[in-house]
Amino acid sequence: MPSNGRFILIAGKSALDRLACMTGYERDLILLGLFFAVAINEDSAVVSGALLSCNHVFPPWQPFLACFLGMWLSDFAIYAICLFGGRQVLQSRFMRSLIAPEKVAVASRWFESYGGFAVVFSRFVLGTRTALLVVSGLLKYPVQRFLTVTLAGAIGWLLLVYLLFAMLGNAATAVFGMRWVTALAMVLFGGAASGMIASRLRKDKSDSRSAGQGSV
């Protein structure tokens, strides 16, 4: 492994050790970060959650639930935007930056052929999920069915990743590549910094109250 890869792994391990000593409030910030990170880079957040569980920083169900809720809600958000916005949504600058029209055309053919099964298995095929979410909204796929198939896909993907880490430990990161380890290090150091800042603010507030009561 290159020297920069070893540095990232060492930094990540140091951050994991630091997180194990955090208070409940500070650990909640990490889980909240995973919830929101899913909408930005789903795979990085899921792998980060699996690593946190694998290293016993959190009980497995906590990052699992944070990632699941983030995945499910972000899927529904994309679906709802396309469901109510219609095809004119595809002309927006945001949607054009999110997905290419060619991918929407390909996803439409898959969706017409396989329906909800295409949405489920898009979790396991890189580069297809967003397009199929968009198409399911444009084609007005029933809401209850959409929620069911995205729930099945999210849980299936999470179980696969968590099982991989349960079997291989930290070595499972090699399956996903070093960019996920880099993302984990960023999440952990960002969470640790946020936790320390929050603790400092609470301490300063407590000291100010004590000083105020002493002057009365």
C-alpha atoms as a PDB file:
ATOM      1  CA  MET A   1       0.000   0.000   0.000  1.00  0.00           C
ATOM      2  CA  PRO A   2       1.399   3.470  -0.843  1.00  0.00           C
ATOM      3  CA  SER A   3       2.712   5.651   1.957  1.00  0.00           C
ATOM      4  CA  ASN A   4      -0.225   8.061   1.686  1.00  0.00           C
ATOM      5  CA  GLY A   5      -2.594   5.097   2.052  1.00  0.00           C
ATOM      6  CA  ARG A   6      -0.820   3.973   5.226  1.00  0.00           C
ATOM      7  CA  PHE A   7      -1.032   7.513   6.587  1.00  0.00           C
ATOM      8  CA  ILE A   8      -4.792   7.654   5.976  1.00  0.00           C
ATOM      9  CA  LEU A   9      -5.319   4.292   7.674  1.00  0.00           C
ATOM     10  CA  ILE A  10      -3.231   5.344  10.695  1.00  0.00           C
ATOM     11  CA  ALA A  11      -5.074   8.668  10.901  1.00  0.00           C
ATOM     12  CA  GLY A  12      -8.405   6.872  10.654  1.00  0.00           C
ATOM     13  CA  LYS A  13      -7.435   4.442  13.421  1.00  0.00           C
ATOM     14  CA  SER A  14      -6.335   7.327  15.653  1.00  0.00           C
ATOM     15  CA  ALA A  15      -9.662   9.070  15.054  1.00  0.00           C
ATOM     16  CA  LEU A  16     -11.566   5.870  15.843  1.00  0.00           C
ATOM     17  CA  ASP A  17      -9.712   5.548  19.146  1.00  0.00           C
ATOM     18  CA  ARG A  18     -10.546   9.159  19.975  1.00  0.00           C
ATOM     19  CA  LEU A  19     -14.205   8.704  19.130  1.00  0.00           C
ATOM     20  CA  ALA A  20     -14.446   5.746  21.521  1.00  0.00           C
ATOM     21  CA  CYS A  21     -13.805   8.187  24.398  1.00  0.00           C
ATOM     22  CA  MET A  22     -16.425  10.747  23.366  1.00  0.00           C
ATOM     23  CA  THR A  23     -19.587  11.592  25.277  1.00  0.00           C
ATOM     24  CA  GLY A  24     -23.055  10.672  24.051  1.00  0.00           C
ATOM     25  CA  TYR A  25     -23.735  14.168  22.702  1.00  0.00           C
ATOM     26  CA  GLU A  26     -20.528  14.194  20.687  1.00  0.00           C
ATOM     27  CA  ARG A  27     -21.169  10.722  19.306  1.00  0.00           C
ATOM     28  CA  ASP A  28     -24.632  11.860  18.211  1.00  0.00           C
ATOM     29  CA  LEU A  29     -22.947  14.443  15.990  1.00  0.00           C
ATOM     30  CA  ILE A  30     -21.139  11.666  14.138  1.00  0.00           C
ATOM     31  CA  LEU A  31     -24.376   9.766  13.563  1.00  0.00           C
ATOM     32  CA  LEU A  32     -26.046  12.959  12.365  1.00  0.00           C
ATOM     33  CA  GLY A  33     -23.111  13.494  10.007  1.00  0.00           C
ATOM     34  CA  LEU A  34     -23.606  10.007   8.547  1.00  0.00           C
ATOM     35  CA  PHE A  35     -27.310  10.749   8.027  1.00  0.00           C
ATOM     36  CA  PHE A  36     -26.585  13.871   5.975  1.00  0.00           C
ATOM     37  CA  ALA A  37     -23.458  12.475   4.276  1.00  0.00           C
ATOM     38  CA  VAL A  38     -25.571   9.785   2.615  1.00  0.00           C
ATOM     39  CA  ALA A  39     -27.228  12.429   0.434  1.00  0.00           C
ATOM     40  CA  ILE A  40     -23.811  13.674  -0.752  1.00  0.00           C
ATOM     41  CA  ASN A  41     -21.897  10.420  -1.157  1.00  0.00           C
ATOM     42  CA  GLU A  42     -23.921   7.386  -0.173  1.00  0.00           C
ATOM     43  CA  ASP A  43     -21.219   4.746  -0.491  1.00  0.00           C
ATOM     44  CA  SER A  44     -18.718   6.727   1.573  1.00  0.00           C
ATOM     45  CA  ALA A  45     -21.247   7.181   4.374  1.00  0.00           C
ATOM     46  CA  VAL A  46     -22.267   3.503   4.356  1.00  0.00           C
ATOM     47  CA  VAL A  47     -18.686   2.259   4.419  1.00  0.00           C
ATOM     48  CA  SER A  48     -17.847   4.764   7.154  1.00  0.00           C
ATOM     49  CA  GLY A  49     -20.761   3.475   9.238  1.00  0.00           C
ATOM     50  CA  ALA A  50     -19.645  -0.118   8.719  1.00  0.00           C
ATOM     51  CA  LEU A  51     -16.106   0.765   9.803  1.00  0.00           C
ATOM     52  CA  LEU A  52     -17.385   2.478  12.939  1.00  0.00           C
ATOM     53  CA  SER A  53     -19.376  -0.646  13.788  1.00  0.00           C
ATOM     54  CA  CYS A  54     -16.535  -2.994  12.909  1.00  0.00           C
ATOM     55  CA  ASN A  55     -14.209  -1.139  15.291  1.00  0.00           C
ATOM     56  CA  HIS A  56     -16.830  -1.131  18.091  1.00  0.00           C
ATOM     57  CA  VAL A  57     -17.072   2.657  18.196  1.00  0.00           C
ATOM     58  CA  PHE A  58     -20.867   2.352  17.915  1.00  0.00           C
ATOM     59  CA  PRO A  59     -23.303  -0.524  18.338  1.00  0.00           C
ATOM     60  CA  PRO A  60     -23.929  -1.754  14.763  1.00  0.00           C
ATOM     61  CA  TRP A  61     -27.595  -0.726  14.728  1.00  0.00           C
ATOM     62  CA  GLN A  62     -26.850   2.977  15.293  1.00  0.00           C
ATOM     63  CA  PRO A  63     -24.831   3.796  12.133  1.00  0.00           C
ATOM     64  CA  PHE A  64     -26.963   1.245  10.254  1.00  0.00           C
ATOM     65  CA  LEU A  65     -30.135   3.153  11.175  1.00  0.00           C
ATOM     66  CA  ALA A  66     -28.563   6.574  10.503  1.00  0.00           C
ATOM     67  CA  CYS A  67     -27.454   5.498   7.025  1.00  0.00           C
ATOM     68  CA  PHE A  68     -30.726   3.724   6.268  1.00  0.00           C
ATOM     69  CA  LEU A  69     -32.865   6.738   7.138  1.00  0.00           C
ATOM     70  CA  GLY A  70     -30.599   9.030   5.138  1.00  0.00           C
ATOM     71  CA  MET A  71     -30.728   6.703   2.119  1.00  0.00           C
ATOM     72  CA  TRP A  72     -34.480   6.190   2.255  1.00  0.00           C
ATOM     73  CA  LEU A  73     -35.343   9.872   2.709  1.00  0.00           C
ATOM     74  CA  SER A  74     -32.909  11.110   0.055  1.00  0.00           C
ATOM     75  CA  ASP A  75     -34.318   8.551  -2.415  1.00  0.00           C
ATOM     76  CA  PHE A  76     -37.845   9.753  -1.692  1.00  0.00           C
ATOM     77  CA  ALA A  77     -36.784  13.402  -2.054  1.00  0.00           C
ATOM     78  CA  ILE A  78     -35.487  12.801  -5.597  1.00  0.00           C
ATOM     79  CA  TYR A  79     -38.578  10.749  -6.462  1.00  0.00           C
ATOM     80  CA  ALA A  80     -40.967  13.403  -5.091  1.00  0.00           C
ATOM     81  CA  ILE A  81     -39.231  16.258  -6.941  1.00  0.00           C
ATOM     82  CA  CYS A  82     -39.604  14.413 -10.250  1.00  0.00           C
ATOM     83  CA  LEU A  83     -43.103  13.149  -9.437  1.00  0.00           C
ATOM     84  CA  PHE A  84     -44.518  16.635  -8.827  1.00  0.00           C
ATOM     85  CA  GLY A  85     -42.165  18.619 -11.051  1.00  0.00           C
ATOM     86  CA  GLY A  86     -42.542  16.518 -14.175  1.00  0.00           C
ATOM     87  CA  ARG A  87     -40.174  16.513 -17.114  1.00  0.00           C
ATOM     88  CA  GLN A  88     -39.496  20.233 -16.868  1.00  0.00           C
ATOM     89  CA  VAL A  89     -37.436  19.411 -13.778  1.00  0.00           C
ATOM     90  CA  LEU A  90     -34.892  17.771 -16.088  1.00  0.00           C
ATOM     91  CA  GLN A  91     -34.262  21.168 -17.677  1.00  0.00           C
ATOM     92  CA  SER A  92     -33.134  22.750 -14.415  1.00  0.00           C
ATOM     93  CA  ARG A  93     -29.457  23.473 -13.912  1.00  0.00           C
ATOM     94  CA  PHE A  94     -29.405  21.405 -10.714  1.00  0.00           C
ATOM     95  CA  MET A  95     -30.861  18.301 -12.375  1.00  0.00           C
ATOM     96  CA  ARG A  96     -28.579  18.609 -15.400  1.00  0.00           C
ATOM     97  CA  SER A  97     -25.584  18.677 -13.067  1.00  0.00           C
ATOM     98  CA  LEU A  98     -26.958  15.687 -11.159  1.00  0.00           C
ATOM     99  CA  ILE A  99     -27.664  13.373 -14.078  1.00  0.00           C
ATOM    100  CA  ALA A 100     -27.127  13.296 -17.832  1.00  0.00           C
ATOM    101  CA  PRO A 101     -30.174  13.033 -20.152  1.00  0.00           C
ATOM    102  CA  GLU A 102     -28.630   9.937 -21.767  1.00  0.00           C
ATOM    103  CA  LYS A 103     -28.708   8.095 -18.434  1.00  0.00           C
ATOM    104  CA  VAL A 104     -32.364   9.024 -17.983  1.00  0.00           C
ATOM    105  CA  ALA A 105     -33.168   7.532 -21.395  1.00  0.00           C
ATOM    106  CA  VAL A 106     -31.365   4.272 -20.572  1.00  0.00           C
ATOM    107  CA  ALA A 107     -32.985   4.106 -17.119  1.00  0.00           C
ATOM    108  CA  SER A 108     -36.419   4.604 -18.708  1.00  0.00           C
ATOM    109  CA  ARG A 109     -35.920   1.493 -20.830  1.00  0.00           C
ATOM    110  CA  TRP A 110     -34.789  -0.519 -17.779  1.00  0.00           C
ATOM    111  CA  PHE A 111     -37.714   0.705 -15.731  1.00  0.00           C
ATOM    112  CA  GLU A 112     -40.227  -0.141 -18.458  1.00  0.00           C
ATOM    113  CA  SER A 113     -38.752  -3.657 -18.666  1.00  0.00           C
ATOM    114  CA  TYR A 114     -38.243  -4.477 -14.984  1.00  0.00           C
ATOM    115  CA  GLY A 115     -40.277  -1.940 -12.992  1.00  0.00           C
ATOM    116  CA  GLY A 116     -39.574  -1.842  -9.254  1.00  0.00           C
ATOM    117  CA  PHE A 117     -36.967  -4.591  -9.483  1.00  0.00           C
ATOM    118  CA  ALA A 118     -34.747  -2.196 -11.419  1.00  0.00           C
ATOM    119  CA  VAL A 119     -34.924   0.295  -8.528  1.00  0.00           C
ATOM    120  CA  VAL A 120     -34.031  -2.411  -5.986  1.00  0.00           C
ATOM    121  CA  PHE A 121     -31.002  -3.683  -7.897  1.00  0.00           C
ATOM    122  CA  SER A 122     -29.808  -0.177  -8.790  1.00  0.00           C
ATOM    123  CA  ARG A 123     -28.256  -0.140  -5.304  1.00  0.00           C
ATOM    124  CA  PHE A 124     -25.854  -2.819  -6.462  1.00  0.00           C
ATOM    125  CA  VAL A 125     -24.998  -1.390  -9.889  1.00  0.00           C
ATOM    126  CA  LEU A 126     -22.764   1.683  -9.857  1.00  0.00           C
ATOM    127  CA  GLY A 127     -24.088   4.755 -11.659  1.00  0.00           C
ATOM    128  CA  THR A 128     -27.704   3.635 -12.136  1.00  0.00           C
ATOM    129  CA  ARG A 129     -29.514   4.530  -8.905  1.00  0.00           C
ATOM    130  CA  THR A 130     -30.093   8.273  -9.398  1.00  0.00           C
ATOM    131  CA  ALA A 131     -31.341   7.837 -12.957  1.00  0.00           C
ATOM    132  CA  LEU A 132     -33.838   5.169 -11.904  1.00  0.00           C
ATOM    133  CA  LEU A 133     -35.056   7.305  -9.006  1.00  0.00           C
ATOM    134  CA  VAL A 134     -35.663  10.158 -11.437  1.00  0.00           C
ATOM    135  CA  VAL A 135     -37.479   7.909 -13.912  1.00  0.00           C
ATOM    136  CA  SER A 136     -39.662   6.337 -11.221  1.00  0.00           C
ATOM    137  CA  GLY A 137     -40.892   9.821 -10.346  1.00  0.00           C
ATOM    138  CA  LEU A 138     -41.373  10.920 -13.951  1.00  0.00           C
ATOM    139  CA  LEU A 139     -43.362   7.774 -14.762  1.00  0.00           C
ATOM    140  CA  LYS A 140     -45.438   8.249 -11.595  1.00  0.00           C
ATOM    141  CA  TYR A 141     -44.559   4.920 -10.023  1.00  0.00           C
ATOM    142  CA  PRO A 142     -46.994   4.408  -7.079  1.00  0.00           C
ATOM    143  CA  VAL A 143     -45.708   5.952  -3.852  1.00  0.00           C
ATOM    144  CA  GLN A 144     -46.313   2.889  -1.660  1.00  0.00           C
ATOM    145  CA  ARG A 145     -44.525   0.596  -4.089  1.00  0.00           C
ATOM    146  CA  PHE A 146     -41.653   3.050  -4.386  1.00  0.00           C
ATOM    147  CA  LEU A 147     -41.226   3.203  -0.616  1.00  0.00           C
ATOM    148  CA  THR A 148     -41.309  -0.591  -0.445  1.00  0.00           C
ATOM    149  CA  VAL A 149     -38.727  -1.240  -3.150  1.00  0.00           C
ATOM    150  CA  THR A 150     -36.346   1.482  -1.943  1.00  0.00           C
ATOM    151  CA  LEU A 151     -36.642   0.137   1.608  1.00  0.00           C
ATOM    152  CA  ALA A 152     -35.725  -3.346   0.353  1.00  0.00           C
ATOM    153  CA  GLY A 153     -32.834  -2.023  -1.720  1.00  0.00           C
ATOM    154  CA  ALA A 154     -31.411   0.129   1.089  1.00  0.00           C
ATOM    155  CA  ILE A 155     -31.574  -2.636   3.691  1.00  0.00           C
ATOM    156  CA  GLY A 156     -30.123  -5.171   1.254  1.00  0.00           C
ATOM    157  CA  TRP A 157     -27.156  -2.951   0.391  1.00  0.00           C
ATOM    158  CA  LEU A 158     -26.480  -2.099   4.031  1.00  0.00           C
ATOM    159  CA  LEU A 159     -26.621  -5.760   5.075  1.00  0.00           C
ATOM    160  CA  LEU A 160     -24.204  -6.692   2.294  1.00  0.00           C
ATOM    161  CA  VAL A 161     -21.661  -4.036   3.288  1.00  0.00           C
ATOM    162  CA  TYR A 162     -21.955  -4.758   7.024  1.00  0.00           C
ATOM    163  CA  LEU A 163     -21.619  -8.502   6.428  1.00  0.00           C
ATOM    164  CA  LEU A 164     -18.503  -7.888   4.352  1.00  0.00           C
ATOM    165  CA  PHE A 165     -16.910  -5.898   7.166  1.00  0.00           C
ATOM    166  CA  ALA A 166     -18.002  -8.475   9.750  1.00  0.00           C
ATOM    167  CA  MET A 167     -16.169 -11.163   7.755  1.00  0.00           C
ATOM    168  CA  LEU A 168     -13.067  -9.248   6.627  1.00  0.00           C
ATOM    169  CA  GLY A 169     -12.743  -6.474   9.213  1.00  0.00           C
ATOM    170  CA  ASN A 170     -10.978  -3.270   8.164  1.00  0.00           C
ATOM    171  CA  ALA A 171      -9.476  -5.106   5.191  1.00  0.00           C
ATOM    172  CA  ALA A 172     -12.889  -4.830   3.511  1.00  0.00           C
ATOM    173  CA  THR A 173     -12.035  -1.218   2.646  1.00  0.00           C
ATOM    174  CA  ALA A 174      -9.795  -2.637  -0.102  1.00  0.00           C
ATOM    175  CA  VAL A 175     -12.943  -3.757  -1.907  1.00  0.00           C
ATOM    176  CA  PHE A 176     -14.183  -0.187  -2.106  1.00  0.00           C
ATOM    177  CA  GLY A 177     -10.857   1.600  -2.610  1.00  0.00           C
ATOM    178  CA  MET A 178      -8.886   4.201  -0.689  1.00  0.00           C
ATOM    179  CA  ARG A 179     -11.309   7.033  -1.458  1.00  0.00           C
ATOM    180  CA  TRP A 180     -13.714   5.583   1.130  1.00  0.00           C
ATOM    181  CA  VAL A 181     -10.949   5.468   3.724  1.00  0.00           C
ATOM    182  CA  THR A 182     -10.158   9.097   2.925  1.00  0.00           C
ATOM    183  CA  ALA A 183     -13.831  10.005   3.313  1.00  0.00           C
ATOM    184  CA  LEU A 184     -13.965   8.183   6.645  1.00  0.00           C
ATOM    185  CA  ALA A 185     -10.941  10.068   7.948  1.00  0.00           C
ATOM    186  CA  MET A 186     -12.595  13.351   6.927  1.00  0.00           C
ATOM    187  CA  VAL A 187     -15.884  12.390   8.608  1.00  0.00           C
ATOM    188  CA  LEU A 188     -14.138  11.291  11.797  1.00  0.00           C
ATOM    189  CA  PHE A 189     -11.868  14.309  12.108  1.00  0.00           C
ATOM    190  CA  GLY A 190     -14.747  16.632  11.289  1.00  0.00           C
ATOM    191  CA  GLY A 191     -16.929  14.953  13.892  1.00  0.00           C
ATOM    192  CA  ALA A 192     -14.168  14.990  16.484  1.00  0.00           C
ATOM    193  CA  ALA A 193     -13.580  18.710  15.867  1.00  0.00           C
ATOM    194  CA  SER A 194     -17.309  19.457  16.112  1.00  0.00           C
ATOM    195  CA  GLY A 195     -17.534  17.490  19.348  1.00  0.00           C
ATOM    196  CA  MET A 196     -14.591  19.315  20.921  1.00  0.00           C
ATOM    197  CA  ILE A 197     -16.011  22.694  19.896  1.00  0.00           C
ATOM    198  CA  ALA A 198     -19.414  21.771  21.342  1.00  0.00           C
ATOM    199  CA  SER A 199     -17.800  20.626  24.599  1.00  0.00           C
ATOM    200  CA  ARG A 200     -15.807  23.839  24.822  1.00  0.00           C
ATOM    201  CA  LEU A 201     -18.907  25.970  24.284  1.00  0.00           C
ATOM    202  CA  ARG A 202     -20.827  24.063  26.966  1.00  0.00           C
ATOM    203  CA  LYS A 203     -17.916  24.451  29.393  1.00  0.00           C
ATOM    204  CA  ASP A 204     -17.644  28.193  28.733  1.00  0.00           C
ATOM    205  CA  LYS A 205     -21.396  28.574  29.212  1.00  0.00           C
ATOM    206  CA  SER A 206     -21.258  26.655  32.482  1.00  0.00           C
ATOM    207  CA  ASP A 207     -18.325  28.764  33.718  1.00  0.00           C
ATOM    208  CA  SER A 208     -20.209  31.968  32.845  1.00  0.00           C
ATOM    209  CA  ARG A 209     -23.236  30.815  34.829  1.00  0.00           C
ATOM    210  CA  SER A 210     -21.077  29.939  37.833  1.00  0.00           C
ATOM    211  CA  ALA A 211     -19.381  33.328  37.712  1.00  0.00           C
ATOM    212  CA  GLY A 212     -22.761  35.073  37.468  1.00  0.00           C
ATOM    213  CA  GLN A 213     -24.133  33.224  40.478  1.00  0.00           C
ATOM    214  CA  GLY A 214     -21.010  33.987  42.490  1.00  0.00           C
ATOM    215  CA  SER A 215     -21.348  37.718  41.896  1.00  0.00           C
ATOM    216  CA  VAL A 216     -24.938  37.810  43.128  1.00  0.00           C
END
